[in-house]
């Protein structure tokens, strides 16, 4: 959530950043509305502070009047205190309303992009920061896309998923299920070895947890909602894991906080048409291992670079061709200040598939979460939060199946063989 102090002190920079996201003059009006509402809040707060001081002063005087036997003046003073109490109560009600109004306005404002973020409206405007410099897999003419390989080797059943639940809920089976489990364990082990604490979080979260990470109120249409219980199925482990630190004042010497979690992820917006959403390219339920960090603000962008390097090493170990893009303003998520996307090459489809987003949210989530720390001067400051997919399994599996197909079967990358217990899907 945007800090009002930042809006007041650097309004032009905030406007410049939001324009990178494609915000128009009409949308930017909300910034003036926030400042105006906050001005009214301050005015009421000042008036109320004066009334409180006046009430406290008269209350003290009443005791002295009692001692001096001035009963008539005591009664008059008591009436004045009652009047002040009524005015204070009205002001506090108005203050509460203005605080809620300001908060609801701030909830509508996305994070201000970092200066490194390129301007642009769609993924076509994303900046390629590292291209694949090796050879791309050269498959035979009769190479199959992963949805046909799944049927050929009986490792993944899309029709069965439709029967059980509906489109976008694939069923992994036999060696396909074991490959998925192998990837999960490999990703978790790698993260634990890199110093991340493993978390097994709930898959359902309350509204406050969704608000804390910026998933709500921005993404109600993308999240599955359990109306009777007022709970949401998680779109990513980022939501429950980051909320571990909600309403916490941490010690600066305890930075960084490093968490890793494997969870299924649930997203309603999977789409329904074209090759972009066929097979595992876009599904409603998929497995993902997520890394999350809370870091000192002075070190968060250095940490972002480290997390990008970490994901890059995972893809190298899986022997998958990859490239890295820096997202433009229009392609950033609501809460992100700076995001790097990883794409792997899917050889049979001849296309790049996004498999990871690594983001620095700076203080945006921390402001919603009230995640603070005491700095060396004793002041409370907002921490910075970061997260990354390490990795999302659905498209990783799609690329592994397609890129490693041979006439004898589908080869398993060397790093996974000890996890799968087999070296080829036959």
Protein backbone atom coordinates (compact mmCIF):
# COMPACT_ATOMS: atom_id res chain seq x y z
CA UNK A 1 0.00 0.00 0.00
CA UNK A 2 1.31 3.43 -0.96
CA UNK A 3 2.47 5.49 2.03
CA UNK A 4 0.78 8.89 2.25
CA UNK A 5 4.09 10.44 3.32
CA UNK A 6 5.63 9.25 0.04
CA UNK A 7 2.70 10.65 -1.91
CA UNK A 8 3.03 14.04 -0.21
CA UNK A 9 6.83 14.23 -0.43
CA UNK A 10 7.32 12.85 -3.94
CA UNK A 11 3.97 13.21 -5.70
CA UNK A 12 5.53 13.83 -9.12
CA UNK A 13 7.62 10.65 -8.86
CA UNK A 14 4.52 8.68 -7.84
CA UNK A 15 2.64 10.05 -10.85
CA UNK A 16 5.57 9.27 -13.15
CA UNK A 17 5.67 5.70 -11.86
CA UNK A 18 1.94 5.13 -12.22
CA UNK A 19 2.07 6.46 -15.77
CA UNK A 20 4.51 3.62 -16.50
CA UNK A 21 1.64 1.32 -15.58
CA UNK A 22 -0.54 3.12 -18.11
CA UNK A 23 -2.53 5.23 -15.64
CA UNK A 24 -4.42 8.11 -17.24
CA UNK A 25 -5.11 11.62 -15.90
CA UNK A 26 -8.58 10.42 -14.92
CA UNK A 27 -7.18 7.59 -12.81
CA UNK A 28 -4.55 9.83 -11.21
CA UNK A 29 -7.29 11.99 -9.67
CA UNK A 30 -7.44 9.45 -6.85
CA UNK A 31 -4.09 10.78 -5.57
CA UNK A 32 -5.61 14.23 -4.97
CA UNK A 33 -8.62 12.58 -3.33
CA UNK A 34 -6.29 10.77 -0.91
CA UNK A 35 -4.44 13.97 0.01
CA UNK A 36 -7.70 15.91 0.42
CA UNK A 37 -9.19 13.21 2.66
CA UNK A 38 -6.01 13.11 4.72
CA UNK A 39 -6.08 16.90 5.10
CA UNK A 40 -9.60 16.65 6.55
CA UNK A 41 -8.46 13.84 8.82
CA UNK A 42 -5.60 15.98 10.13
CA UNK A 43 -7.93 18.94 10.71
CA UNK A 44 -10.38 16.82 12.70
CA UNK A 45 -7.49 15.20 14.62
CA UNK A 46 -6.09 18.63 15.58
CA UNK A 47 -9.51 19.88 16.71
CA UNK A 48 -10.07 16.69 18.69
CA UNK A 49 -6.68 16.93 20.38
CA UNK A 50 -7.60 20.45 21.54
CA UNK A 51 -10.95 19.23 22.88
CA UNK A 52 -9.24 16.36 24.73
CA UNK A 53 -6.76 18.78 26.30
CA UNK A 54 -9.62 21.10 27.31
CA UNK A 55 -11.59 18.19 28.83
CA UNK A 56 -8.58 17.01 30.81
CA UNK A 57 -7.89 20.52 32.10
CA UNK A 58 -11.48 21.05 33.27
CA UNK A 59 -11.59 17.58 34.84
CA UNK A 60 -8.57 18.50 36.95
CA UNK A 61 -10.18 21.83 37.92
CA UNK A 62 -13.29 20.04 39.20
CA UNK A 63 -11.29 18.43 41.98
CA UNK A 64 -9.95 21.79 43.10
CA UNK A 65 -13.44 23.35 42.99
CA UNK A 66 -14.71 20.54 45.25
CA UNK A 67 -12.00 21.33 47.77
CA UNK A 68 -12.91 24.99 47.72
CA UNK A 69 -16.62 24.21 48.23
CA UNK A 70 -17.73 25.82 44.98
CA UNK A 71 -20.63 23.44 44.26
CA UNK A 72 -22.29 25.64 41.59
CA UNK A 73 -19.07 25.92 39.60
CA UNK A 74 -18.52 22.17 39.96
CA UNK A 75 -21.89 21.48 38.40
CA UNK A 76 -21.19 23.93 35.55
CA UNK A 77 -17.79 22.35 34.92
CA UNK A 78 -19.31 18.85 34.82
CA UNK A 79 -21.84 19.95 32.21
CA UNK A 80 -19.02 21.42 30.13
CA UNK A 81 -17.10 18.11 30.36
CA UNK A 82 -20.18 16.19 29.20
CA UNK A 83 -20.55 18.55 26.23
CA UNK A 84 -16.88 18.08 25.38
CA UNK A 85 -17.23 14.29 25.62
CA UNK A 86 -20.09 14.41 23.12
CA UNK A 87 -18.06 16.55 20.68
CA UNK A 88 -15.03 14.29 21.09
CA UNK A 89 -17.17 11.23 20.39
CA UNK A 90 -18.51 12.81 17.18
CA UNK A 91 -14.99 13.72 16.09
CA UNK A 92 -13.72 10.21 16.75
CA UNK A 93 -16.55 8.82 14.66
CA UNK A 94 -15.61 11.21 11.82
CA UNK A 95 -11.95 10.30 12.22
CA UNK A 96 -12.77 6.61 11.93
CA UNK A 97 -14.79 7.25 8.77
CA UNK A 98 -12.01 9.29 7.17
CA UNK A 99 -9.37 6.68 8.06
CA UNK A 100 -11.53 4.01 6.39
CA UNK A 101 -12.11 6.24 3.35
CA UNK A 102 -8.38 6.90 2.97
CA UNK A 103 -7.54 3.22 3.35
CA UNK A 104 -10.13 2.18 0.74
CA UNK A 105 -8.70 4.76 -1.68
CA UNK A 106 -5.15 3.56 -1.04
CA UNK A 107 -6.22 -0.05 -1.69
CA UNK A 108 -7.00 1.00 -5.28
CA UNK A 109 -3.50 2.34 -5.95
CA UNK A 110 -0.92 -0.20 -7.17
CA UNK A 111 2.73 -0.18 -6.19
CA UNK A 112 4.87 2.52 -7.75
CA UNK A 113 7.31 0.87 -10.20
CA UNK A 114 11.03 0.99 -9.52
CA UNK A 115 13.02 3.32 -11.85
CA UNK A 116 14.45 0.22 -13.60
CA UNK A 117 10.97 -0.77 -14.82
CA UNK A 118 10.51 0.04 -18.52
CA UNK A 119 7.37 1.84 -19.63
CA UNK A 120 4.93 -0.26 -21.62
CA UNK A 121 1.42 -1.65 -21.73
CA UNK A 122 1.71 -5.38 -22.48
CA UNK A 123 4.17 -8.28 -22.36
CA UNK A 124 5.35 -7.17 -25.82
CA UNK A 125 7.05 -4.24 -24.07
CA UNK A 126 8.98 -6.35 -21.55
CA UNK A 127 12.76 -5.96 -21.64
CA UNK A 128 14.88 -9.00 -22.49
CA UNK A 129 17.80 -8.86 -20.03
CA UNK A 130 19.28 -12.31 -20.73
CA UNK A 131 18.71 -14.38 -23.84
CA UNK A 132 19.52 -18.06 -24.31
CA UNK A 133 22.95 -18.23 -25.91
CA UNK A 134 23.04 -21.98 -26.51
CA UNK A 135 21.36 -24.21 -29.06
CA UNK A 136 17.65 -24.83 -28.75
CA UNK A 137 16.51 -28.48 -28.80
CA UNK A 138 16.23 -29.77 -32.35
CA UNK A 139 13.48 -32.38 -32.35
CA UNK A 140 12.46 -34.83 -35.02
CA UNK A 141 9.71 -33.93 -37.47
CA UNK A 142 7.23 -36.18 -35.68
CA UNK A 143 7.92 -34.67 -32.20
CA UNK A 144 4.81 -34.41 -30.05
CA UNK A 145 3.54 -31.62 -27.78
CA UNK A 146 3.28 -32.58 -24.13
CA UNK A 147 -0.48 -33.22 -24.21
CA UNK A 148 0.07 -35.94 -26.84
CA UNK A 149 3.10 -37.31 -25.00
CA UNK A 150 0.97 -37.49 -21.85
CA UNK A 151 -1.53 -39.70 -23.67
CA UNK A 152 1.14 -41.80 -25.39
CA UNK A 153 2.91 -42.68 -22.11
CA UNK A 154 -0.20 -42.60 -19.90
CA UNK A 155 1.37 -40.15 -17.44
CA UNK A 156 -1.12 -37.29 -17.52
CA UNK A 157 -4.87 -37.37 -18.11
CA UNK A 158 -6.73 -34.19 -19.01
CA UNK A 159 -10.04 -35.91 -19.81
CA UNK A 160 -10.10 -37.63 -16.44
CA UNK A 161 -9.61 -34.23 -14.79
CA UNK A 162 -12.64 -32.92 -16.68
CA UNK A 163 -14.66 -35.91 -15.48
CA UNK A 164 -13.65 -35.44 -11.84
CA UNK A 165 -13.71 -31.63 -11.64
CA UNK A 166 -13.70 -29.74 -14.93
CA UNK A 167 -11.32 -28.27 -17.51
CA UNK A 168 -7.99 -27.08 -16.15
CA UNK A 169 -7.60 -29.76 -13.45
CA UNK A 170 -5.21 -32.37 -14.88
CA UNK A 171 -4.59 -35.76 -13.25
CA UNK A 172 -0.95 -36.92 -13.06
CA UNK A 173 -0.48 -40.66 -12.91
CA UNK A 174 2.20 -43.37 -12.86
CA UNK A 175 5.60 -41.97 -13.89
CA UNK A 176 4.01 -38.56 -14.41
CA UNK A 177 2.96 -38.39 -10.75
CA UNK A 178 6.42 -39.54 -9.67
CA UNK A 179 8.07 -36.89 -11.88
CA UNK A 180 5.93 -34.21 -10.28
CA UNK A 181 6.81 -35.42 -6.76
CA UNK A 182 10.49 -35.59 -7.75
CA UNK A 183 10.47 -31.96 -8.90
CA UNK A 184 8.76 -30.81 -5.70
CA UNK A 185 11.34 -32.58 -3.52
CA UNK A 186 14.23 -31.35 -5.66
CA UNK A 187 13.07 -27.72 -5.45
CA UNK A 188 12.48 -27.95 -1.69
CA UNK A 189 15.86 -29.55 -1.04
CA UNK A 190 17.64 -26.91 -3.11
CA UNK A 191 15.91 -24.10 -1.19
CA UNK A 192 16.63 -25.66 2.21
CA UNK A 193 20.29 -26.02 1.24
CA UNK A 194 20.25 -22.31 0.33
CA UNK A 195 19.11 -21.39 3.84
CA UNK A 196 15.32 -21.18 3.43
CA UNK A 197 13.05 -22.40 6.22
CA UNK A 198 10.46 -24.88 4.94
CA UNK A 199 6.84 -23.97 5.65
CA UNK A 200 3.72 -26.10 5.11
CA UNK A 201 1.01 -23.39 5.11
CA UNK A 202 -2.80 -23.56 4.91
CA UNK A 203 -4.28 -23.59 1.42
CA UNK A 204 -7.16 -21.35 2.50
CA UNK A 205 -6.67 -17.79 3.76
CA UNK A 206 -8.91 -15.13 5.24
CA UNK A 207 -9.61 -11.76 3.65
CA UNK A 208 -7.01 -9.92 5.75
CA UNK A 209 -4.27 -12.24 4.50
CA UNK A 210 -5.31 -11.55 0.90
CA UNK A 211 -5.30 -7.80 1.56
CA UNK A 212 -1.90 -8.06 3.24
CA UNK A 213 -0.13 -9.26 0.09
CA UNK A 214 -2.16 -7.21 -2.38
CA UNK A 215 -4.13 -10.17 -3.75
CA UNK A 216 -7.26 -8.44 -2.47
CA UNK A 217 -9.11 -6.35 -3.33
CA UNK A 218 -7.39 -6.47 -6.74
CA UNK A 219 -7.91 -10.14 -7.67
CA UNK A 220 -11.31 -11.23 -6.35
CA UNK A 221 -12.22 -12.49 -9.83
CA UNK A 222 -9.05 -14.59 -10.04
CA UNK A 223 -9.35 -16.35 -6.67
CA UNK A 224 -11.69 -19.15 -5.66
CA UNK A 225 -13.93 -17.91 -2.84
CA UNK A 226 -15.61 -20.06 -0.18
CA UNK A 227 -18.63 -17.86 0.59
CA UNK A 228 -19.98 -19.79 3.60
CA UNK A 229 -16.65 -19.58 5.41
CA UNK A 230 -15.45 -16.26 3.97
CA UNK A 231 -12.16 -17.87 2.91
CA UNK A 232 -10.11 -17.89 -0.30
CA UNK A 233 -8.13 -20.70 -1.95
CA UNK A 234 -4.56 -19.47 -2.34
CA UNK A 235 -3.32 -18.39 -5.81
CA UNK A 236 0.25 -18.93 -4.58
CA UNK A 237 2.08 -19.81 -1.34
CA UNK A 238 3.25 -16.19 -1.25
CA UNK A 239 -0.06 -15.23 0.39
CA UNK A 240 -0.05 -17.44 3.52
CA UNK A 241 3.74 -17.46 3.91
CA UNK A 242 4.21 -13.67 3.75
CA UNK A 243 1.41 -13.28 6.29
CA UNK A 244 3.51 -15.17 8.85
CA UNK A 245 5.06 -11.75 9.55
CA UNK A 246 1.82 -9.72 9.56
CA UNK A 247 1.58 -7.26 12.49
CA UNK A 248 5.13 -8.04 13.57
CA UNK A 249 7.89 -5.67 14.68
CA UNK A 250 11.06 -7.62 13.93
CA UNK A 251 14.67 -7.04 14.86
CA UNK A 252 16.90 -5.65 12.12
CA UNK A 253 19.61 -8.16 13.05
CA UNK A 254 17.18 -11.00 12.22
CA UNK A 255 17.02 -10.05 8.53
CA UNK A 256 16.66 -11.74 6.14
CA UNK A 257 13.66 -13.94 6.86
CA UNK A 258 13.77 -16.73 4.26
CA UNK A 259 10.86 -19.12 3.74
CA UNK A 260 10.11 -21.83 1.18
CA UNK A 261 6.81 -23.63 0.71
CA UNK A 262 5.35 -26.20 -1.62
CA UNK A 263 1.60 -25.83 -2.25
CA UNK A 264 -1.01 -26.46 -4.90
CA UNK A 265 -2.12 -23.13 -6.38
CA UNK A 266 -5.63 -22.27 -7.55
CA UNK A 267 -6.52 -19.65 -10.17
CA UNK A 268 -9.88 -19.05 -11.79
CA UNK A 269 -8.59 -17.07 -14.78
CA UNK A 270 -7.09 -20.01 -16.65
CA UNK A 271 -8.79 -19.16 -19.95
CA UNK A 272 -10.38 -21.55 -22.41
CA UNK A 273 -9.32 -20.95 -26.01
CA UNK A 274 -6.29 -21.46 -28.27
CA UNK A 275 -2.91 -23.15 -27.99
CA UNK A 276 -1.77 -20.72 -25.29
CA UNK A 277 -4.08 -22.44 -22.82
CA UNK A 278 -3.83 -26.01 -24.12
CA UNK A 279 -2.52 -28.84 -21.95
CA UNK A 280 -0.41 -27.60 -19.05
CA UNK A 281 0.14 -24.16 -20.53
CA UNK A 282 -2.59 -22.66 -18.37
CA UNK A 283 -4.55 -24.57 -15.73
CA UNK A 284 -6.77 -23.81 -12.75
CA UNK A 285 -4.73 -25.94 -10.33
CA UNK A 286 -0.98 -26.45 -10.41
CA UNK A 287 1.84 -27.19 -7.98
CA UNK A 288 4.52 -24.67 -7.15
CA UNK A 289 7.45 -24.21 -4.81
CA UNK A 290 7.66 -20.59 -3.67
CA UNK A 291 10.52 -18.71 -2.02
CA UNK A 292 9.68 -15.67 0.13
CA UNK A 293 11.98 -13.19 1.87
CA UNK A 294 11.57 -10.22 4.19
CA UNK A 295 14.64 -8.03 4.07
CA UNK A 296 16.10 -4.72 5.26
CA UNK A 297 15.13 -1.97 2.75
CA UNK A 298 18.78 -1.12 2.07
CA UNK A 299 19.46 -4.68 0.92
CA UNK A 300 16.26 -5.73 -0.86
CA UNK A 301 17.39 -5.10 -4.44
CA UNK A 302 20.65 -6.93 -3.82
CA UNK A 303 18.50 -9.77 -2.46
CA UNK A 304 16.31 -9.63 -5.58
CA UNK A 305 19.41 -10.17 -7.74
CA UNK A 306 20.41 -13.13 -5.55
CA UNK A 307 16.94 -14.67 -5.91
CA UNK A 308 17.08 -14.24 -9.69
CA UNK A 309 20.46 -16.00 -9.74
CA UNK A 310 19.05 -18.79 -7.56
CA UNK A 311 16.17 -19.51 -9.96
CA UNK A 312 18.58 -19.35 -12.90
CA UNK A 313 20.74 -22.09 -11.33
CA UNK A 314 17.67 -24.33 -10.90
CA UNK A 315 16.90 -24.09 -14.61
CA UNK A 316 20.53 -24.79 -15.48
CA UNK A 317 20.44 -27.93 -13.33
CA UNK A 318 17.27 -29.04 -15.15
CA UNK A 319 19.09 -28.46 -18.46
CA UNK A 320 16.28 -26.28 -19.79
CA UNK A 321 16.85 -23.40 -22.23
CA UNK A 322 15.68 -20.20 -20.52
CA UNK A 323 15.61 -16.45 -20.87
CA UNK A 324 15.03 -13.62 -18.39
CA UNK A 325 12.83 -10.56 -18.90
CA UNK A 326 12.28 -7.43 -16.84
CA UNK A 327 8.57 -6.66 -16.85
CA UNK A 328 7.28 -3.34 -18.11
CA UNK A 329 4.93 -1.19 -16.05
CA UNK A 330 1.78 -2.47 -17.74
CA UNK A 331 2.73 -6.11 -17.13
CA UNK A 332 3.62 -5.77 -13.45
CA UNK A 333 1.33 -7.30 -10.85
CA UNK A 334 -0.60 -4.89 -8.65
CA UNK A 335 1.81 -5.20 -5.70
CA UNK A 336 5.18 -5.46 -7.46
CA UNK A 337 7.75 -2.69 -7.75
CA UNK A 338 10.15 -4.69 -9.93
CA UNK A 339 9.73 -8.17 -11.46
CA UNK A 340 11.91 -10.53 -13.49
CA UNK A 341 10.19 -13.31 -15.42
CA UNK A 342 11.84 -16.57 -16.46
CA UNK A 343 10.70 -18.36 -19.59
CA UNK A 344 11.74 -21.83 -20.72
CA UNK A 345 11.66 -23.04 -24.30
CA UNK A 346 9.06 -25.67 -25.15
CA UNK A 347 10.56 -27.39 -28.18
CA UNK A 348 7.53 -29.18 -29.65
CA UNK A 349 5.34 -26.08 -29.31
CA UNK A 350 8.23 -23.86 -30.46
CA UNK A 351 7.37 -21.23 -27.89
CA UNK A 352 8.63 -19.73 -24.62
CA UNK A 353 6.62 -20.50 -21.47
CA UNK A 354 6.75 -18.41 -18.30
CA UNK A 355 7.77 -20.58 -15.33
CA UNK A 356 8.82 -18.07 -12.68
CA UNK A 357 8.32 -14.50 -11.55
CA UNK A 358 10.77 -13.05 -9.04
CA UNK A 359 9.60 -9.77 -7.51
CA UNK A 360 10.55 -7.06 -5.04
CA UNK A 361 7.48 -5.46 -3.48
CA UNK A 362 9.62 -3.01 -1.51
CA UNK A 363 7.45 -1.59 1.33
CA UNK A 364 4.09 -2.03 -0.42
CA UNK A 365 3.10 -5.35 1.17
CA UNK A 366 4.82 -4.50 4.45
CA UNK A 367 2.67 -1.37 4.79
CA UNK A 368 -0.48 -3.47 4.40
CA UNK A 369 0.91 -6.18 6.68
CA UNK A 370 2.22 -3.68 9.28
CA UNK A 371 5.56 -5.51 9.06
CA UNK A 372 8.10 -3.18 10.66
CA UNK A 373 11.49 -3.18 12.31
CA UNK A 374 13.37 -0.87 14.67
CA UNK A 375 16.29 0.81 12.92
CA UNK A 376 19.56 1.88 14.57
CA UNK A 377 18.00 5.19 15.61
CA UNK A 378 15.06 3.53 17.36
CA UNK A 379 12.55 4.48 14.65
CA UNK A 380 10.07 1.99 13.24
CA UNK A 381 10.45 1.41 9.49
CA UNK A 382 8.74 -0.82 6.97
CA UNK A 383 10.57 -3.97 5.91
CA UNK A 384 10.75 -4.98 2.24
CA UNK A 385 9.22 -8.23 0.99
CA UNK A 386 10.20 -10.36 -2.00
CA UNK A 387 9.06 -13.61 -3.54
CA UNK A 388 9.75 -15.91 -6.44
CA UNK A 389 8.50 -19.09 -8.10
CA UNK A 390 11.18 -21.71 -7.64
CA UNK A 391 9.52 -23.19 -9.59
CA UNK A 392 5.99 -23.56 -11.05
CA UNK A 393 5.68 -27.21 -12.03
CA UNK A 394 3.07 -27.32 -14.77
CA UNK A 395 5.05 -25.59 -17.51
CA UNK A 396 8.36 -27.00 -16.27
CA UNK A 397 6.92 -30.48 -16.82
CA UNK A 398 5.58 -29.46 -20.23
CA UNK A 399 9.06 -28.32 -21.32
CA UNK A 400 10.83 -31.34 -19.78
CA UNK A 401 8.52 -33.79 -21.58
CA UNK A 402 8.77 -32.06 -24.96
CA UNK A 403 12.48 -31.22 -24.93
CA UNK A 404 13.65 -34.65 -23.76
CA UNK A 405 11.55 -36.93 -25.99
CA UNK A 406 13.41 -39.58 -27.95
CA UNK A 407 12.32 -42.63 -29.98
CA UNK A 408 13.07 -44.76 -26.88
CA UNK A 409 11.15 -42.60 -24.42
CA UNK A 410 11.45 -39.36 -22.44
CA UNK A 411 14.82 -38.80 -20.77
CA UNK A 412 14.97 -37.61 -17.16
CA UNK A 413 17.51 -34.85 -16.37
CA UNK A 414 20.52 -36.15 -14.44
CA UNK A 415 19.71 -34.05 -11.36
CA UNK A 416 16.27 -35.68 -11.00
CA UNK A 417 17.20 -39.35 -11.40
CA UNK A 418 17.83 -39.92 -7.70
CA UNK A 419 14.40 -38.40 -7.00
CA UNK A 420 12.38 -40.26 -9.66
CA UNK A 421 14.05 -43.64 -9.28
CA UNK A 422 14.09 -44.03 -13.09
CA UNK A 423 16.06 -42.39 -15.90
CA UNK A 424 13.45 -42.58 -18.66
CA UNK A 425 9.70 -42.51 -19.10
CA UNK A 426 8.81 -45.46 -21.33
